[in-house]
């Protein structure tokens, strides 16, 4: 049995779906990626792989962060982004 992993505050696991499944009403399709944000305990599934651990980026005054989608995606509010 694998140990449970804890996602700390200001961290997230980037997860990738390996096989189609239903995740509490959300249909996950093979290839989908999403963030599992902390602080929480991650309970692994055989259909999901942890791709990486992401850390929060602090944006200080007079700084900016430019991001660009590399594929079609939805943000946390369900809005689509097609700019790639």
PDB file of N, CA and C in Angstrom:
ATOM      1  N   UNK A   1       0.841  -1.190   0.000  1.00  0.00           N
ATOM      2  CA  UNK A   1       0.000   0.000   0.000  1.00  0.00           C
ATOM      3  C   UNK A   1       0.879   1.243   0.000  1.00  0.00           C
ATOM      4  N   UNK A   2       0.579   2.169  -0.882  1.00  0.00           N
ATOM      5  CA  UNK A   2       1.370   3.392  -1.019  1.00  0.00           C
ATOM      6  C   UNK A   2       1.008   4.393   0.075  1.00  0.00           C
ATOM      7  N   UNK A   3       2.000   5.183   0.472  1.00  0.00           N
ATOM      8  CA  UNK A   3       1.756   6.238   1.444  1.00  0.00           C
ATOM      9  C   UNK A   3       0.960   7.359   0.784  1.00  0.00           C
ATOM     10  N   UNK A   4       0.091   7.987   1.562  1.00  0.00           N
ATOM     11  CA  UNK A   4      -0.658   9.134   1.059  1.00  0.00           C
ATOM     12  C   UNK A   4       0.267  10.345   1.012  1.00  0.00           C
ATOM     13  N   UNK A   5       0.101  11.168  -0.019  1.00  0.00           N
ATOM     14  CA  UNK A   5       0.920  12.365  -0.166  1.00  0.00           C
ATOM     15  C   UNK A   5       0.117  13.577   0.251  1.00  0.00           C
ATOM     16  N   UNK A   6       0.800  14.496   0.901  1.00  0.00           N
ATOM     17  CA  UNK A   6       0.162  15.734   1.365  1.00  0.00           C
ATOM     18  C   UNK A   6       0.641  16.881   0.492  1.00  0.00           C
ATOM     19  N   UNK A   7      -0.314  17.660   0.008  1.00  0.00           N
ATOM     20  CA  UNK A   7       0.004  18.867  -0.766  1.00  0.00           C
ATOM     21  C   UNK A   7      -0.002  20.017   0.229  1.00  0.00           C
ATOM     22  N   UNK A   8       1.117  20.697   0.335  1.00  0.00           N
ATOM     23  CA  UNK A   8       1.248  21.787   1.301  1.00  0.00           C
ATOM     24  C   UNK A   8       0.546  23.052   0.808  1.00  0.00           C
ATOM     25  N   UNK A   9       0.406  24.014   1.723  1.00  0.00           N
ATOM     26  CA  UNK A   9      -0.145  25.313   1.365  1.00  0.00           C
ATOM     27  C   UNK A   9       0.747  25.937   0.298  1.00  0.00           C
ATOM     28  N   UNK A  10       0.162  26.617  -0.667  1.00  0.00           N
ATOM     29  CA  UNK A  10       0.878  27.264  -1.773  1.00  0.00           C
ATOM     30  C   UNK A  10       1.566  26.268  -2.698  1.00  0.00           C
ATOM     31  N   UNK A  11       1.054  25.025  -2.740  1.00  0.00           N
ATOM     32  CA  UNK A  11       1.548  24.018  -3.666  1.00  0.00           C
ATOM     33  C   UNK A  11       0.372  23.341  -4.349  1.00  0.00           C
ATOM     34  N   UNK A  12       0.657  22.639  -5.428  1.00  0.00           N
ATOM     35  CA  UNK A  12      -0.364  21.863  -6.129  1.00  0.00           C
ATOM     36  C   UNK A  12       0.312  20.709  -6.857  1.00  0.00           C
ATOM     37  N   UNK A  13      -0.406  19.603  -6.997  1.00  0.00           N
ATOM     38  CA  UNK A  13       0.052  18.516  -7.860  1.00  0.00           C
ATOM     39  C   UNK A  13      -0.559  18.747  -9.229  1.00  0.00           C
ATOM     40  N   UNK A  14       0.249  18.630 -10.267  1.00  0.00           N
ATOM     41  CA  UNK A  14      -0.282  18.640 -11.630  1.00  0.00           C
ATOM     42  C   UNK A  14      -0.547  17.186 -11.972  1.00  0.00           C
ATOM     43  N   UNK A  15      -1.823  16.867 -12.197  1.00  0.00           N
ATOM     44  CA  UNK A  15      -2.252  15.492 -12.428  1.00  0.00           C
ATOM     45  C   UNK A  15      -2.607  15.289 -13.891  1.00  0.00           C
ATOM     46  N   UNK A  16      -2.407  14.061 -14.373  1.00  0.00           N
ATOM     47  CA  UNK A  16      -2.784  13.708 -15.738  1.00  0.00           C
ATOM     48  C   UNK A  16      -3.588  12.421 -15.710  1.00  0.00           C
ATOM     49  N   UNK A  17      -4.694  12.429 -16.446  1.00  0.00           N
ATOM     50  CA  UNK A  17      -5.579  11.270 -16.534  1.00  0.00           C
ATOM     51  C   UNK A  17      -4.990  10.265 -17.528  1.00  0.00           C
ATOM     52  N   UNK A  18      -4.853   9.013 -17.091  1.00  0.00           N
ATOM     53  CA  UNK A  18      -4.320   7.950 -17.950  1.00  0.00           C
ATOM     54  C   UNK A  18      -5.424   7.147 -18.615  1.00  0.00           C
ATOM     55  N   UNK A  19      -6.599   7.096 -17.975  1.00  0.00           N
ATOM     56  CA  UNK A  19      -7.727   6.326 -18.484  1.00  0.00           C
ATOM     57  C   UNK A  19      -9.013   7.058 -18.103  1.00  0.00           C
ATOM     58  N   UNK A  20     -10.039   7.004 -18.942  1.00  0.00           N
ATOM     59  CA  UNK A  20     -11.303   7.698 -18.681  1.00  0.00           C
ATOM     60  C   UNK A  20     -11.932   7.215 -17.377  1.00  0.00           C
ATOM     61  N   UNK A  21     -12.477   8.164 -16.596  1.00  0.00           N
ATOM     62  CA  UNK A  21     -13.216   7.816 -15.386  1.00  0.00           C
ATOM     63  C   UNK A  21     -14.080   8.990 -14.963  1.00  0.00           C
ATOM     64  N   UNK A  22     -15.000   8.742 -14.020  1.00  0.00           N
ATOM     65  CA  UNK A  22     -15.883   9.770 -13.475  1.00  0.00           C
ATOM     66  C   UNK A  22     -15.333  10.191 -12.120  1.00  0.00           C
ATOM     67  N   UNK A  23     -15.063  11.483 -11.944  1.00  0.00           N
ATOM     68  CA  UNK A  23     -14.477  12.026 -10.714  1.00  0.00           C
ATOM     69  C   UNK A  23     -15.496  12.941 -10.043  1.00  0.00           C
ATOM     70  N   UNK A  24     -16.347  12.359  -9.198  1.00  0.00           N
ATOM     71  CA  UNK A  24     -17.373  13.125  -8.480  1.00  0.00           C
ATOM     72  C   UNK A  24     -18.201  13.995  -9.420  1.00  0.00           C
ATOM     73  N   UNK A  25     -18.688  13.406 -10.499  1.00  0.00           N
ATOM     74  CA  UNK A  25     -19.534  14.128 -11.449  1.00  0.00           C
ATOM     75  C   UNK A  25     -18.798  14.765 -12.600  1.00  0.00           C
ATOM     76  N   UNK A  26     -17.460  14.827 -12.534  1.00  0.00           N
ATOM     77  CA  UNK A  26     -16.669  15.370 -13.644  1.00  0.00           C
ATOM     78  C   UNK A  26     -16.137  14.199 -14.458  1.00  0.00           C
ATOM     79  N   UNK A  27     -16.405  14.220 -15.754  1.00  0.00           N
ATOM     80  CA  UNK A  27     -15.872  13.174 -16.623  1.00  0.00           C
ATOM     81  C   UNK A  27     -14.439  13.525 -16.977  1.00  0.00           C
ATOM     82  N   UNK A  28     -13.504  12.702 -16.562  1.00  0.00           N
ATOM     83  CA  UNK A  28     -12.098  12.883 -16.903  1.00  0.00           C
ATOM     84  C   UNK A  28     -11.789  11.994 -18.101  1.00  0.00           C
ATOM     85  N   UNK A  29     -11.164  12.572 -19.112  1.00  0.00           N
ATOM     86  CA  UNK A  29     -10.817  11.878 -20.341  1.00  0.00           C
ATOM     87  C   UNK A  29      -9.298  11.678 -20.364  1.00  0.00           C
ATOM     88  N   UNK A  30      -8.842  10.543 -20.859  1.00  0.00           N
ATOM     89  CA  UNK A  30      -7.403  10.274 -20.949  1.00  0.00           C
ATOM     90  C   UNK A  30      -6.696  11.453 -21.616  1.00  0.00           C
ATOM     91  N   UNK A  31      -5.636  11.934 -20.974  1.00  0.00           N
ATOM     92  CA  UNK A  31      -4.889  13.089 -21.482  1.00  0.00           C
ATOM     93  C   UNK A  31      -5.217  14.382 -20.771  1.00  0.00           C
ATOM     94  N   UNK A  32      -6.369  14.454 -20.085  1.00  0.00           N
ATOM     95  CA  UNK A  32      -6.724  15.663 -19.333  1.00  0.00           C
ATOM     96  C   UNK A  32      -5.678  15.935 -18.261  1.00  0.00           C
ATOM     97  N   UNK A  33      -5.447  17.205 -17.980  1.00  0.00           N
ATOM     98  CA  UNK A  33      -4.561  17.614 -16.887  1.00  0.00           C
ATOM     99  C   UNK A  33      -5.294  18.617 -16.020  1.00  0.00           C
ATOM    100  N   UNK A  34      -5.013  18.590 -14.710  1.00  0.00           N
ATOM    101  CA  UNK A  34      -5.611  19.534 -13.785  1.00  0.00           C
ATOM    102  C   UNK A  34      -4.727  19.654 -12.563  1.00  0.00           C
ATOM    103  N   UNK A  35      -5.009  20.686 -11.756  1.00  0.00           N
ATOM    104  CA  UNK A  35      -4.248  20.914 -10.534  1.00  0.00           C
ATOM    105  C   UNK A  35      -5.039  20.448  -9.326  1.00  0.00           C
ATOM    106  N   UNK A  36      -4.360  19.799  -8.397  1.00  0.00           N
ATOM    107  CA  UNK A  36      -4.909  19.416  -7.107  1.00  0.00           C
ATOM    108  C   UNK A  36      -4.210  20.313  -6.097  1.00  0.00           C
ATOM    109  N   UNK A  37      -4.911  21.379  -5.669  1.00  0.00           N
ATOM    110  CA  UNK A  37      -4.315  22.423  -4.832  1.00  0.00           C
ATOM    111  C   UNK A  37      -4.407  22.089  -3.354  1.00  0.00           C
ATOM    112  N   UNK A  38      -3.386  22.467  -2.610  1.00  0.00           N
ATOM    113  CA  UNK A  38      -3.326  22.207  -1.175  1.00  0.00           C
ATOM    114  C   UNK A  38      -3.803  23.388  -0.369  1.00  0.00           C
ATOM    115  N   UNK A  39      -3.851  23.230   0.923  1.00  0.00           N
ATOM    116  CA  UNK A  39      -3.390  22.069   1.676  1.00  0.00           C
ATOM    117  C   UNK A  39      -4.458  20.971   1.728  1.00  0.00           C
ATOM    118  N   UNK A  40      -4.095  19.786   1.269  1.00  0.00           N
ATOM    119  CA  UNK A  40      -4.972  18.616   1.257  1.00  0.00           C
ATOM    120  C   UNK A  40      -4.123  17.355   1.225  1.00  0.00           C
ATOM    121  N   UNK A  41      -4.767  16.240   1.509  1.00  0.00           N
ATOM    122  CA  UNK A  41      -4.137  14.937   1.356  1.00  0.00           C
ATOM    123  C   UNK A  41      -4.612  14.341   0.040  1.00  0.00           C
ATOM    124  N   UNK A  42      -3.663  13.887  -0.780  1.00  0.00           N
ATOM    125  CA  UNK A  42      -3.994  13.316  -2.081  1.00  0.00           C
ATOM    126  C   UNK A  42      -4.156  11.804  -1.946  1.00  0.00           C
ATOM    127  N   UNK A  43      -5.310  11.314  -2.371  1.00  0.00           N
ATOM    128  CA  UNK A  43      -5.589   9.877  -2.379  1.00  0.00           C
ATOM    129  C   UNK A  43      -5.410   9.399  -3.822  1.00  0.00           C
ATOM    130  N   UNK A  44      -4.357   8.622  -4.093  1.00  0.00           N
ATOM    131  CA  UNK A  44      -4.056   8.244  -5.479  1.00  0.00           C
ATOM    132  C   UNK A  44      -5.104   7.326  -6.097  1.00  0.00           C
ATOM    133  N   UNK A  45      -5.217   7.416  -7.417  1.00  0.00           N
ATOM    134  CA  UNK A  45      -6.078   6.548  -8.212  1.00  0.00           C
ATOM    135  C   UNK A  45      -5.221   5.910  -9.285  1.00  0.00           C
ATOM    136  N   UNK A  46      -5.618   4.712  -9.711  1.00  0.00           N
ATOM    137  CA  UNK A  46      -4.838   4.023 -10.743  1.00  0.00           C
ATOM    138  C   UNK A  46      -4.952   4.719 -12.095  1.00  0.00           C
ATOM    139  N   UNK A  47      -6.023   5.516 -12.312  1.00  0.00           N
ATOM    140  CA  UNK A  47      -6.234   6.210 -13.579  1.00  0.00           C
ATOM    141  C   UNK A  47      -5.493   7.539 -13.672  1.00  0.00           C
ATOM    142  N   UNK A  48      -4.836   7.958 -12.596  1.00  0.00           N
ATOM    143  CA  UNK A  48      -4.231   9.293 -12.532  1.00  0.00           C
ATOM    144  C   UNK A  48      -2.749   9.190 -12.175  1.00  0.00           C
ATOM    145  N   UNK A  49      -1.954  10.029 -12.852  1.00  0.00           N
ATOM    146  CA  UNK A  49      -0.521  10.090 -12.593  1.00  0.00           C
ATOM    147  C   UNK A  49      -0.165  11.501 -12.128  1.00  0.00           C
ATOM    148  N   UNK A  50       0.707  11.608 -11.120  1.00  0.00           N
ATOM    149  CA  UNK A  50       1.222  12.915 -10.699  1.00  0.00           C
ATOM    150  C   UNK A  50       2.354  13.274 -11.647  1.00  0.00           C
ATOM    151  N   UNK A  51       2.172  14.362 -12.398  1.00  0.00           N
ATOM    152  CA  UNK A  51       3.168  14.792 -13.384  1.00  0.00           C
ATOM    153  C   UNK A  51       4.259  15.609 -12.707  1.00  0.00           C
ATOM    154  N   UNK A  52       3.851  16.534 -11.834  1.00  0.00           N
ATOM    155  CA  UNK A  52       4.824  17.382 -11.152  1.00  0.00           C
ATOM    156  C   UNK A  52       4.183  18.044  -9.943  1.00  0.00           C
ATOM    157  N   UNK A  53       5.020  18.650  -9.124  1.00  0.00           N
ATOM    158  CA  UNK A  53       4.560  19.467  -8.007  1.00  0.00           C
ATOM    159  C   UNK A  53       4.827  20.916  -8.371  1.00  0.00           C
ATOM    160  N   UNK A  54       3.791  21.720  -8.344  1.00  0.00           N
ATOM    161  CA  UNK A  54       3.900  23.138  -8.707  1.00  0.00           C
ATOM    162  C   UNK A  54       3.896  23.979  -7.437  1.00  0.00           C
ATOM    163  N   UNK A  55       4.692  25.040  -7.435  1.00  0.00           N
ATOM    164  CA  UNK A  55       4.749  25.956  -6.295  1.00  0.00           C
ATOM    165  C   UNK A  55       4.123  27.284  -6.692  1.00  0.00           C
ATOM    166  N   UNK A  56       3.522  27.959  -5.726  1.00  0.00           N
ATOM    167  CA  UNK A  56       2.923  29.274  -5.972  1.00  0.00           C
ATOM    168  C   UNK A  56       4.017  30.271  -6.336  1.00  0.00           C
ATOM    169  N   UNK A  57       3.681  31.211  -7.198  1.00  0.00           N
ATOM    170  CA  UNK A  57       4.607  32.264  -7.602  1.00  0.00           C
ATOM    171  C   UNK A  57       4.117  33.564  -6.982  1.00  0.00           C
ATOM    172  N   UNK A  58       4.989  34.234  -6.247  1.00  0.00           N
ATOM    173  CA  UNK A  58       4.638  35.518  -5.647  1.00  0.00           C
ATOM    174  C   UNK A  58       4.972  36.623  -6.637  1.00  0.00           C
ATOM    175  N   UNK A  59       3.982  37.449  -6.925  1.00  0.00           N
ATOM    176  CA  UNK A  59       4.180  38.576  -7.840  1.00  0.00           C
ATOM    177  C   UNK A  59       4.277  39.836  -6.990  1.00  0.00           C
ATOM    178  N   UNK A  60       5.444  40.424  -6.970  1.00  0.00           N
ATOM    179  CA  UNK A  60       5.701  41.615  -6.166  1.00  0.00           C
ATOM    180  C   UNK A  60       5.272  42.868  -6.915  1.00  0.00           C
ATOM    181  N   UNK A  61       5.194  44.017  -6.223  1.00  0.00           N
ATOM    182  CA  UNK A  61       4.856  45.270  -6.898  1.00  0.00           C
ATOM    183  C   UNK A  61       5.815  45.531  -8.061  1.00  0.00           C
ATOM    184  N   UNK A  62       5.288  46.066  -9.144  1.00  0.00           N
ATOM    185  CA  UNK A  62       6.041  46.376 -10.359  1.00  0.00           C
ATOM    186  C   UNK A  62       6.569  45.141 -11.086  1.00  0.00           C
ATOM    187  N   UNK A  63       5.965  43.982 -10.833  1.00  0.00           N
ATOM    188  CA  UNK A  63       6.307  42.750 -11.545  1.00  0.00           C
ATOM    189  C   UNK A  63       5.063  42.229 -12.242  1.00  0.00           C
ATOM    190  N   UNK A  64       5.270  41.345 -13.208  1.00  0.00           N
ATOM    191  CA  UNK A  64       4.147  40.753 -13.928  1.00  0.00           C
ATOM    192  C   UNK A  64       4.470  39.295 -14.233  1.00  0.00           C
ATOM    193  N   UNK A  65       3.433  38.549 -14.535  1.00  0.00           N
ATOM    194  CA  UNK A  65       3.579  37.146 -14.908  1.00  0.00           C
ATOM    195  C   UNK A  65       2.811  36.942 -16.200  1.00  0.00           C
ATOM    196  N   UNK A  66       3.496  36.508 -17.243  1.00  0.00           N
ATOM    197  CA  UNK A  66       2.845  36.259 -18.522  1.00  0.00           C
ATOM    198  C   UNK A  66       2.669  34.755 -18.677  1.00  0.00           C
ATOM    199  N   UNK A  67       1.438  34.343 -18.918  1.00  0.00           N
ATOM    200  CA  UNK A  67       1.152  32.918 -19.101  1.00  0.00           C
ATOM    201  C   UNK A  67       0.469  32.717 -20.445  1.00  0.00           C
ATOM    202  N   UNK A  68       0.637  31.540 -21.004  1.00  0.00           N
ATOM    203  CA  UNK A  68       0.044  31.229 -22.296  1.00  0.00           C
ATOM    204  C   UNK A  68      -0.378  29.768 -22.287  1.00  0.00           C
ATOM    205  N   UNK A  69      -1.606  29.504 -22.729  1.00  0.00           N
ATOM    206  CA  UNK A  69      -2.102  28.134 -22.811  1.00  0.00           C
ATOM    207  C   UNK A  69      -1.390  27.413 -23.946  1.00  0.00           C
ATOM    208  N   UNK A  70      -1.000  26.167 -23.706  1.00  0.00           N
ATOM    209  CA  UNK A  70      -0.356  25.368 -24.738  1.00  0.00           C
ATOM    210  C   UNK A  70      -1.353  24.447 -25.442  1.00  0.00           C
ATOM    211  N   UNK A  71      -2.579  24.421 -24.919  1.00  0.00           N
ATOM    212  CA  UNK A  71      -3.664  23.650 -25.533  1.00  0.00           C
ATOM    213  C   UNK A  71      -4.988  24.209 -25.048  1.00  0.00           C
ATOM    214  N   UNK A  72      -6.083  23.773 -25.660  1.00  0.00           N
ATOM    215  CA  UNK A  72      -7.407  24.219 -25.232  1.00  0.00           C
ATOM    216  C   UNK A  72      -7.599  23.847 -23.773  1.00  0.00           C
ATOM    217  N   UNK A  73      -8.124  24.782 -22.989  1.00  0.00           N
ATOM    218  CA  UNK A  73      -8.278  24.520 -21.553  1.00  0.00           C
ATOM    219  C   UNK A  73      -9.426  25.312 -20.956  1.00  0.00           C
ATOM    220  N   UNK A  74      -9.823  24.919 -19.735  1.00  0.00           N
ATOM    221  CA  UNK A  74     -10.793  25.661 -18.936  1.00  0.00           C
ATOM    222  C   UNK A  74     -10.098  26.108 -17.661  1.00  0.00           C
ATOM    223  N   UNK A  75     -10.397  27.327 -17.210  1.00  0.00           N
ATOM    224  CA  UNK A  75      -9.833  27.780 -15.945  1.00  0.00           C
ATOM    225  C   UNK A  75     -10.714  27.298 -14.791  1.00  0.00           C
ATOM    226  N   UNK A  76     -10.367  27.698 -13.570  1.00  0.00           N
ATOM    227  CA  UNK A  76     -11.093  27.226 -12.392  1.00  0.00           C
ATOM    228  C   UNK A  76     -12.547  27.709 -12.347  1.00  0.00           C
ATOM    229  N   UNK A  77     -12.883  28.722 -13.166  1.00  0.00           N
ATOM    230  CA  UNK A  77     -14.263  29.210 -13.232  1.00  0.00           C
ATOM    231  C   UNK A  77     -15.042  28.569 -14.385  1.00  0.00           C
ATOM    232  N   UNK A  78     -14.400  27.675 -15.140  1.00  0.00           N
ATOM    233  CA  UNK A  78     -15.068  26.999 -16.244  1.00  0.00           C
ATOM    234  C   UNK A  78     -15.013  27.758 -17.554  1.00  0.00           C
ATOM    235  N   UNK A  79     -14.209  28.825 -17.623  1.00  0.00           N
ATOM    236  CA  UNK A  79     -14.076  29.617 -18.850  1.00  0.00           C
ATOM    237  C   UNK A  79     -13.035  28.964 -19.761  1.00  0.00           C
ATOM    238  N   UNK A  80     -13.344  28.906 -21.068  1.00  0.00           N
ATOM    239  CA  UNK A  80     -12.443  28.289 -22.030  1.00  0.00           C
ATOM    240  C   UNK A  80     -11.367  29.271 -22.484  1.00  0.00           C
ATOM    241  N   UNK A  81     -10.185  28.740 -22.787  1.00  0.00           N
ATOM    242  CA  UNK A  81      -9.098  29.518 -23.347  1.00  0.00           C
ATOM    243  C   UNK A  81      -8.616  28.821 -24.616  1.00  0.00           C
ATOM    244  N   UNK A  82      -8.527  29.576 -25.707  1.00  0.00           N
ATOM    245  CA  UNK A  82      -8.086  29.011 -26.979  1.00  0.00           C
ATOM    246  C   UNK A  82      -6.835  29.681 -27.511  1.00  0.00           C
ATOM    247  N   UNK A  83      -6.186  30.530 -26.728  1.00  0.00           N
ATOM    248  CA  UNK A  83      -5.046  31.318 -27.211  1.00  0.00           C
ATOM    249  C   UNK A  83      -3.752  30.527 -27.097  1.00  0.00           C
ATOM    250  N   UNK A  84      -3.407  29.797 -28.139  1.00  0.00           N
ATOM    251  CA  UNK A  84      -2.120  29.102 -28.104  1.00  0.00           C
ATOM    252  C   UNK A  84      -1.405  29.194 -29.398  1.00  0.00           C
TER     253      UNK A  84
END
